[in-house]
Amino acid sequence: MRTLKLVAVSAGLSSPSSTRLLADRLVQATRYRLAEQEYAVDVEVVELRDLALDIAKNLVTGFPSEKLGAAIDAVTGADGVIAVTPVFTASYSGLFKSFFDLIDPAALTGVPVLIGATGGTARHSLVLDHALRPLFAYLRALVAPTAVYAASEDWGSGGDEYTEGLPSRINRAGQEFAGLVAARPARAADEDEIIPFERQLADLRLD
């Protein structure tokens, strides 16, 4: 049985946060659909608030800490990435953008990505299309068709005859994303692998 690795990146700042909750719900929906196809799934969650200082130092020095390097390796080595951010000033958070600024532009080429965002009002839902999709298009990732935005009033709402509720949108996004992850070919041979940051740093120290 092939084991698929999913990495969820949550940029929520509080604990607990609705951003992390949405990321967890998207992971659950995806995992359920992959289990239906008899895939084993390994999940790792990257909480960016725990890496905030490491990200800032990396932007200044150009070198990641061991913890940040491991998080970057997890994302670039995943079979699928779930990326969720809170909305600040009508866009993704600075912490979210700063983390993905550290990702090599070619490292996510062809990798399925499911995007999500949270905010206080539904008026910010366009952030998915005018900010998040362009970001991952630049990184050449394969973005799932359905993205999920969760406003404060969406939690606990089942929707109505005109609008899908949050659970329905999560389930649809998970189904589409699972299909993309399952359809992606297994990773290339070792000679084509991306060298982890920890190994790169070790080589630099030796030099």
C-alpha atoms as a PDB file:
ATOM      1  CA  MET A   1       0.000   0.000   0.000  1.00  0.00           C
ATOM      2  CA  ARG A   2       1.373   3.395  -0.994  1.00  0.00           C
ATOM      3  CA  THR A   3       1.598   5.897   1.869  1.00  0.00           C
ATOM      4  CA  LEU A   4       0.817   9.501   0.982  1.00  0.00           C
ATOM      5  CA  LYS A   5       2.186  12.415   2.977  1.00  0.00           C
ATOM      6  CA  LEU A   6      -0.040  15.434   3.568  1.00  0.00           C
ATOM      7  CA  VAL A   7       1.282  18.620   5.154  1.00  0.00           C
ATOM      8  CA  ALA A   8      -1.084  21.268   6.482  1.00  0.00           C
ATOM      9  CA  VAL A   9       0.303  24.784   6.902  1.00  0.00           C
ATOM     10  CA  SER A  10      -1.681  26.906   9.353  1.00  0.00           C
ATOM     11  CA  ALA A  11      -0.928  30.612   9.754  1.00  0.00           C
ATOM     12  CA  GLY A  12      -3.318  31.196  12.637  1.00  0.00           C
ATOM     13  CA  LEU A  13      -1.895  33.368  15.397  1.00  0.00           C
ATOM     14  CA  SER A  14      -4.052  32.390  18.365  1.00  0.00           C
ATOM     15  CA  SER A  15      -4.404  29.060  20.122  1.00  0.00           C
ATOM     16  CA  PRO A  16      -6.895  27.648  19.418  1.00  0.00           C
ATOM     17  CA  SER A  17      -7.607  29.370  16.122  1.00  0.00           C
ATOM     18  CA  SER A  18     -10.296  29.070  13.482  1.00  0.00           C
ATOM     19  CA  THR A  19      -7.501  28.859  10.906  1.00  0.00           C
ATOM     20  CA  ARG A  20      -6.091  25.715  12.502  1.00  0.00           C
ATOM     21  CA  LEU A  21      -9.614  24.342  12.885  1.00  0.00           C
ATOM     22  CA  LEU A  22     -10.291  24.803   9.173  1.00  0.00           C
ATOM     23  CA  ALA A  23      -6.955  23.181   8.313  1.00  0.00           C
ATOM     24  CA  ASP A  24      -7.827  20.189  10.502  1.00  0.00           C
ATOM     25  CA  ARG A  25     -11.265  19.841   8.887  1.00  0.00           C
ATOM     26  CA  LEU A  26      -9.741  19.916   5.404  1.00  0.00           C
ATOM     27  CA  VAL A  27      -7.207  17.268   6.451  1.00  0.00           C
ATOM     28  CA  GLN A  28      -9.988  15.053   7.801  1.00  0.00           C
ATOM     29  CA  ALA A  29     -12.060  15.356   4.620  1.00  0.00           C
ATOM     30  CA  THR A  30      -9.053  14.570   2.423  1.00  0.00           C
ATOM     31  CA  ARG A  31      -7.915  11.692   4.600  1.00  0.00           C
ATOM     32  CA  TYR A  32     -11.393  10.147   4.488  1.00  0.00           C
ATOM     33  CA  ARG A  33     -11.507  10.264   0.685  1.00  0.00           C
ATOM     34  CA  LEU A  34      -8.005   8.804   0.354  1.00  0.00           C
ATOM     35  CA  ALA A  35      -8.873   6.030   2.806  1.00  0.00           C
ATOM     36  CA  GLU A  36     -11.808   5.141   0.547  1.00  0.00           C
ATOM     37  CA  GLN A  37      -9.225   4.547  -2.178  1.00  0.00           C
ATOM     38  CA  GLU A  38      -7.199   2.389   0.254  1.00  0.00           C
ATOM     39  CA  TYR A  39      -4.286   4.792   0.680  1.00  0.00           C
ATOM     40  CA  ALA A  40      -2.425   5.106   3.938  1.00  0.00           C
ATOM     41  CA  VAL A  41      -1.999   8.755   4.902  1.00  0.00           C
ATOM     42  CA  ASP A  42       0.715  10.404   6.987  1.00  0.00           C
ATOM     43  CA  VAL A  43      -0.216  13.916   8.157  1.00  0.00           C
ATOM     44  CA  GLU A  44       2.045  16.668   9.491  1.00  0.00           C
ATOM     45  CA  VAL A  45       0.842  20.107  10.608  1.00  0.00           C
ATOM     46  CA  VAL A  46       3.142  23.140  10.392  1.00  0.00           C
ATOM     47  CA  GLU A  47       2.048  25.911  12.779  1.00  0.00           C
ATOM     48  CA  LEU A  48       3.650  29.089  11.477  1.00  0.00           C
ATOM     49  CA  ARG A  49       3.127  31.032  14.712  1.00  0.00           C
ATOM     50  CA  ASP A  50       5.657  28.684  16.336  1.00  0.00           C
ATOM     51  CA  LEU A  51       8.158  29.569  13.590  1.00  0.00           C
ATOM     52  CA  ALA A  52       7.641  33.345  13.466  1.00  0.00           C
ATOM     53  CA  LEU A  53      11.055  34.293  14.902  1.00  0.00           C
ATOM     54  CA  ASP A  54      12.835  31.664  12.811  1.00  0.00           C
ATOM     55  CA  ILE A  55      11.180  32.984   9.645  1.00  0.00           C
ATOM     56  CA  ALA A  56      12.180  36.585  10.464  1.00  0.00           C
ATOM     57  CA  LYS A  57      15.776  35.582  11.159  1.00  0.00           C
ATOM     58  CA  ASN A  58      15.935  33.584   7.928  1.00  0.00           C
ATOM     59  CA  LEU A  59      14.735  36.591   5.931  1.00  0.00           C
ATOM     60  CA  VAL A  60      17.576  38.655   7.430  1.00  0.00           C
ATOM     61  CA  THR A  61      20.407  36.100   7.466  1.00  0.00           C
ATOM     62  CA  GLY A  62      19.461  33.831   4.571  1.00  0.00           C
ATOM     63  CA  PHE A  63      19.874  30.724   6.720  1.00  0.00           C
ATOM     64  CA  PRO A  64      17.022  28.691   8.230  1.00  0.00           C
ATOM     65  CA  SER A  65      17.110  27.299  11.742  1.00  0.00           C
ATOM     66  CA  GLU A  66      16.950  23.539  12.133  1.00  0.00           C
ATOM     67  CA  LYS A  67      13.251  23.754  13.056  1.00  0.00           C
ATOM     68  CA  LEU A  68      12.382  25.994  10.115  1.00  0.00           C
ATOM     69  CA  GLY A  69      14.453  23.883   7.721  1.00  0.00           C
ATOM     70  CA  ALA A  70      12.534  20.795   8.829  1.00  0.00           C
ATOM     71  CA  ALA A  71       9.221  22.579   8.179  1.00  0.00           C
ATOM     72  CA  ILE A  72      10.320  23.661   4.701  1.00  0.00           C
ATOM     73  CA  ASP A  73      11.500  20.121   3.940  1.00  0.00           C
ATOM     74  CA  ALA A  74       8.140  18.751   5.091  1.00  0.00           C
ATOM     75  CA  VAL A  75       6.230  21.058   2.735  1.00  0.00           C
ATOM     76  CA  THR A  76       8.493  20.519  -0.278  1.00  0.00           C
ATOM     77  CA  GLY A  77       8.537  16.757   0.316  1.00  0.00           C
ATOM     78  CA  ALA A  78       4.771  16.343   0.639  1.00  0.00           C
ATOM     79  CA  ASP A  79       2.463  14.584  -1.801  1.00  0.00           C
ATOM     80  CA  GLY A  80      -0.108  17.292  -1.090  1.00  0.00           C
ATOM     81  CA  VAL A  81      -0.188  20.576   0.825  1.00  0.00           C
ATOM     82  CA  ILE A  82      -3.129  22.200   2.605  1.00  0.00           C
ATOM     83  CA  ALA A  83      -2.438  25.910   3.141  1.00  0.00           C
ATOM     84  CA  VAL A  84      -4.732  28.028   5.326  1.00  0.00           C
ATOM     85  CA  THR A  85      -4.304  31.656   6.365  1.00  0.00           C
ATOM     86  CA  PRO A  86      -6.307  34.251   8.247  1.00  0.00           C
ATOM     87  CA  VAL A  87      -7.226  37.345   6.263  1.00  0.00           C
ATOM     88  CA  PHE A  88      -5.414  40.562   7.203  1.00  0.00           C
ATOM     89  CA  THR A  89      -6.081  43.781   5.267  1.00  0.00           C
ATOM     90  CA  ALA A  90      -7.906  41.910   2.501  1.00  0.00           C
ATOM     91  CA  SER A  91      -5.046  39.479   1.833  1.00  0.00           C
ATOM     92  CA  TYR A  92      -3.063  36.588   3.328  1.00  0.00           C
ATOM     93  CA  SER A  93      -1.127  37.264   6.511  1.00  0.00           C
ATOM     94  CA  GLY A  94       2.448  38.520   6.378  1.00  0.00           C
ATOM     95  CA  LEU A  95       3.593  35.431   8.286  1.00  0.00           C
ATOM     96  CA  PHE A  96       1.996  33.151   5.685  1.00  0.00           C
ATOM     97  CA  LYS A  97       3.594  35.040   2.773  1.00  0.00           C
ATOM     98  CA  SER A  98       6.998  35.211   4.490  1.00  0.00           C
ATOM     99  CA  PHE A  99       7.051  31.438   4.951  1.00  0.00           C
ATOM    100  CA  PHE A 100       6.249  30.707   1.321  1.00  0.00           C
ATOM    101  CA  ASP A 101       8.799  33.323   0.253  1.00  0.00           C
ATOM    102  CA  LEU A 102      11.382  30.901   1.666  1.00  0.00           C
ATOM    103  CA  ILE A 103      10.201  28.035  -0.550  1.00  0.00           C
ATOM    104  CA  ASP A 104      12.293  27.496  -3.681  1.00  0.00           C
ATOM    105  CA  PRO A 105      10.079  28.584  -6.630  1.00  0.00           C
ATOM    106  CA  ALA A 106      10.504  25.168  -8.283  1.00  0.00           C
ATOM    107  CA  ALA A 107      10.034  23.016  -5.178  1.00  0.00           C
ATOM    108  CA  LEU A 108       6.231  22.827  -5.396  1.00  0.00           C
ATOM    109  CA  THR A 109       5.994  22.331  -9.153  1.00  0.00           C
ATOM    110  CA  GLY A 110       3.058  20.004  -9.848  1.00  0.00           C
ATOM    111  CA  VAL A 111       2.326  19.459  -6.148  1.00  0.00           C
ATOM    112  CA  PRO A 112      -1.420  19.477  -5.357  1.00  0.00           C
ATOM    113  CA  VAL A 113      -2.347  22.332  -3.007  1.00  0.00           C
ATOM    114  CA  LEU A 114      -5.673  22.956  -1.297  1.00  0.00           C
ATOM    115  CA  ILE A 115      -6.099  26.569  -0.202  1.00  0.00           C
ATOM    116  CA  GLY A 116      -8.278  27.954   2.560  1.00  0.00           C
ATOM    117  CA  ALA A 117      -8.762  31.176   4.495  1.00  0.00           C
ATOM    118  CA  THR A 118     -10.620  32.453   7.533  1.00  0.00           C
ATOM    119  CA  GLY A 119     -11.970  35.883   8.387  1.00  0.00           C
ATOM    120  CA  GLY A 120     -14.564  37.769  10.353  1.00  0.00           C
ATOM    121  CA  THR A 121     -16.835  38.488   7.415  1.00  0.00           C
ATOM    122  CA  ALA A 122     -17.774  36.806   4.145  1.00  0.00           C
ATOM    123  CA  ARG A 123     -16.796  39.982   2.263  1.00  0.00           C
ATOM    124  CA  HIS A 124     -13.155  38.844   2.359  1.00  0.00           C
ATOM    125  CA  SER A 125     -13.780  35.548   0.570  1.00  0.00           C
ATOM    126  CA  LEU A 126     -12.311  36.864  -2.693  1.00  0.00           C
ATOM    127  CA  VAL A 127      -8.880  36.615  -1.063  1.00  0.00           C
ATOM    128  CA  LEU A 128      -8.837  33.011  -2.268  1.00  0.00           C
ATOM    129  CA  ASP A 129      -8.865  34.037  -5.921  1.00  0.00           C
ATOM    130  CA  HIS A 130      -7.074  37.390  -5.938  1.00  0.00           C
ATOM    131  CA  ALA A 131      -4.242  36.486  -3.528  1.00  0.00           C
ATOM    132  CA  LEU A 132      -3.844  32.784  -2.741  1.00  0.00           C
ATOM    133  CA  ARG A 133      -4.344  31.301  -6.215  1.00  0.00           C
ATOM    134  CA  PRO A 134      -1.831  33.688  -7.846  1.00  0.00           C
ATOM    135  CA  LEU A 135       0.723  32.920  -5.123  1.00  0.00           C
ATOM    136  CA  PHE A 136       0.591  29.170  -5.740  1.00  0.00           C
ATOM    137  CA  ALA A 137       0.346  29.643  -9.498  1.00  0.00           C
ATOM    138  CA  TYR A 138       3.686  31.450  -9.272  1.00  0.00           C
ATOM    139  CA  LEU A 139       5.075  28.470  -7.346  1.00  0.00           C
ATOM    140  CA  ARG A 140       3.713  26.238 -10.159  1.00  0.00           C
ATOM    141  CA  ALA A 141       1.638  24.160  -7.771  1.00  0.00           C
ATOM    142  CA  LEU A 142      -1.527  22.360  -8.844  1.00  0.00           C
ATOM    143  CA  VAL A 143      -4.275  24.200  -6.956  1.00  0.00           C
ATOM    144  CA  ALA A 144      -7.489  22.280  -6.244  1.00  0.00           C
ATOM    145  CA  PRO A 145     -10.590  23.714  -7.985  1.00  0.00           C
ATOM    146  CA  THR A 146     -12.556  24.259  -4.784  1.00  0.00           C
ATOM    147  CA  ALA A 147     -11.033  26.575  -2.175  1.00  0.00           C
ATOM    148  CA  VAL A 148     -12.666  27.079   1.221  1.00  0.00           C
ATOM    149  CA  TYR A 149     -13.276  30.372   2.998  1.00  0.00           C
ATOM    150  CA  ALA A 150     -14.763  30.306   6.489  1.00  0.00           C
ATOM    151  CA  ALA A 151     -16.239  33.477   7.967  1.00  0.00           C
ATOM    152  CA  SER A 152     -17.196  33.658  11.633  1.00  0.00           C
ATOM    153  CA  GLU A 153     -20.855  32.983  10.884  1.00  0.00           C
ATOM    154  CA  ASP A 154     -20.023  29.873   8.828  1.00  0.00           C
ATOM    155  CA  TRP A 155     -19.054  27.793  11.849  1.00  0.00           C
ATOM    156  CA  GLY A 156     -22.052  25.718  12.876  1.00  0.00           C
ATOM    157  CA  SER A 157     -24.050  26.798   9.823  1.00  0.00           C
ATOM    158  CA  GLY A 158     -25.504  24.222   7.473  1.00  0.00           C
ATOM    159  CA  GLY A 159     -26.228  26.707   4.706  1.00  0.00           C
ATOM    160  CA  ASP A 160     -29.579  27.148   3.001  1.00  0.00           C
ATOM    161  CA  GLU A 161     -31.265  26.350  -0.302  1.00  0.00           C
ATOM    162  CA  TYR A 162     -29.144  28.949  -2.084  1.00  0.00           C
ATOM    163  CA  THR A 163     -25.747  28.556  -0.399  1.00  0.00           C
ATOM    164  CA  GLU A 164     -23.682  25.504   0.522  1.00  0.00           C
ATOM    165  CA  GLY A 165     -22.773  25.297   4.184  1.00  0.00           C
ATOM    166  CA  LEU A 166     -19.178  25.080   5.353  1.00  0.00           C
ATOM    167  CA  PRO A 167     -19.261  21.266   5.890  1.00  0.00           C
ATOM    168  CA  SER A 168     -20.417  20.728   2.291  1.00  0.00           C
ATOM    169  CA  ARG A 169     -17.689  22.966   0.913  1.00  0.00           C
ATOM    170  CA  ILE A 170     -15.056  21.220   3.025  1.00  0.00           C
ATOM    171  CA  ASN A 171     -16.198  17.796   1.844  1.00  0.00           C
ATOM    172  CA  ARG A 172     -16.230  18.834  -1.811  1.00  0.00           C
ATOM    173  CA  ALA A 173     -12.778  20.403  -1.534  1.00  0.00           C
ATOM    174  CA  GLY A 174     -11.433  17.306   0.217  1.00  0.00           C
ATOM    175  CA  GLN A 175     -12.806  15.016  -2.481  1.00  0.00           C
ATOM    176  CA  GLU A 176     -11.294  17.056  -5.316  1.00  0.00           C
ATOM    177  CA  PHE A 177      -7.969  17.449  -3.539  1.00  0.00           C
ATOM    178  CA  ALA A 178      -7.767  13.751  -2.697  1.00  0.00           C
ATOM    179  CA  GLY A 179      -8.273  12.947  -6.370  1.00  0.00           C
ATOM    180  CA  LEU A 180      -5.355  15.194  -7.334  1.00  0.00           C
ATOM    181  CA  VAL A 181      -3.073  13.726  -4.671  1.00  0.00           C
ATOM    182  CA  ALA A 182      -3.926  10.131  -5.584  1.00  0.00           C
ATOM    183  CA  ALA A 183      -3.426  10.784  -9.302  1.00  0.00           C
ATOM    184  CA  ARG A 184       0.023  12.296  -8.860  1.00  0.00           C
ATOM    185  CA  PRO A 185       2.827   9.870  -9.772  1.00  0.00           C
ATOM    186  CA  ALA A 186       5.103   8.580  -7.038  1.00  0.00           C
ATOM    187  CA  ARG A 187       8.151  10.730  -6.355  1.00  0.00           C
ATOM    188  CA  ALA A 188      11.113  10.483  -8.689  1.00  0.00           C
ATOM    189  CA  ALA A 189      14.254   8.490  -7.992  1.00  0.00           C
ATOM    190  CA  ASP A 190      16.740   9.601  -5.356  1.00  0.00           C
ATOM    191  CA  GLU A 191      18.985  11.404  -7.833  1.00  0.00           C
ATOM    192  CA  ASP A 192      16.139  13.812  -8.575  1.00  0.00           C
ATOM    193  CA  GLU A 193      15.245  14.546  -4.976  1.00  0.00           C
ATOM    194  CA  ILE A 194      15.466  18.018  -3.474  1.00  0.00           C
ATOM    195  CA  ILE A 195      18.347  18.199  -0.997  1.00  0.00           C
ATOM    196  CA  PRO A 196      16.966  18.977   2.486  1.00  0.00           C
ATOM    197  CA  PHE A 197      18.010  22.246   4.120  1.00  0.00           C
ATOM    198  CA  GLU A 198      19.733  20.400   6.978  1.00  0.00           C
ATOM    199  CA  ARG A 199      22.035  18.625   4.517  1.00  0.00           C
ATOM    200  CA  GLN A 200      22.692  21.868   2.659  1.00  0.00           C
ATOM    201  CA  LEU A 201      23.671  23.587   5.913  1.00  0.00           C
ATOM    202  CA  ALA A 202      25.961  20.698   6.846  1.00  0.00           C
ATOM    203  CA  ASP A 203      27.695  20.993   3.480  1.00  0.00           C
ATOM    204  CA  LEU A 204      28.151  24.728   3.998  1.00  0.00           C
ATOM    205  CA  ARG A 205      29.720  24.167   7.398  1.00  0.00           C
ATOM    206  CA  LEU A 206      32.130  21.645   5.931  1.00  0.00           C
ATOM    207  CA  ASP A 207      33.159  24.174   3.292  1.00  0.00           C
END
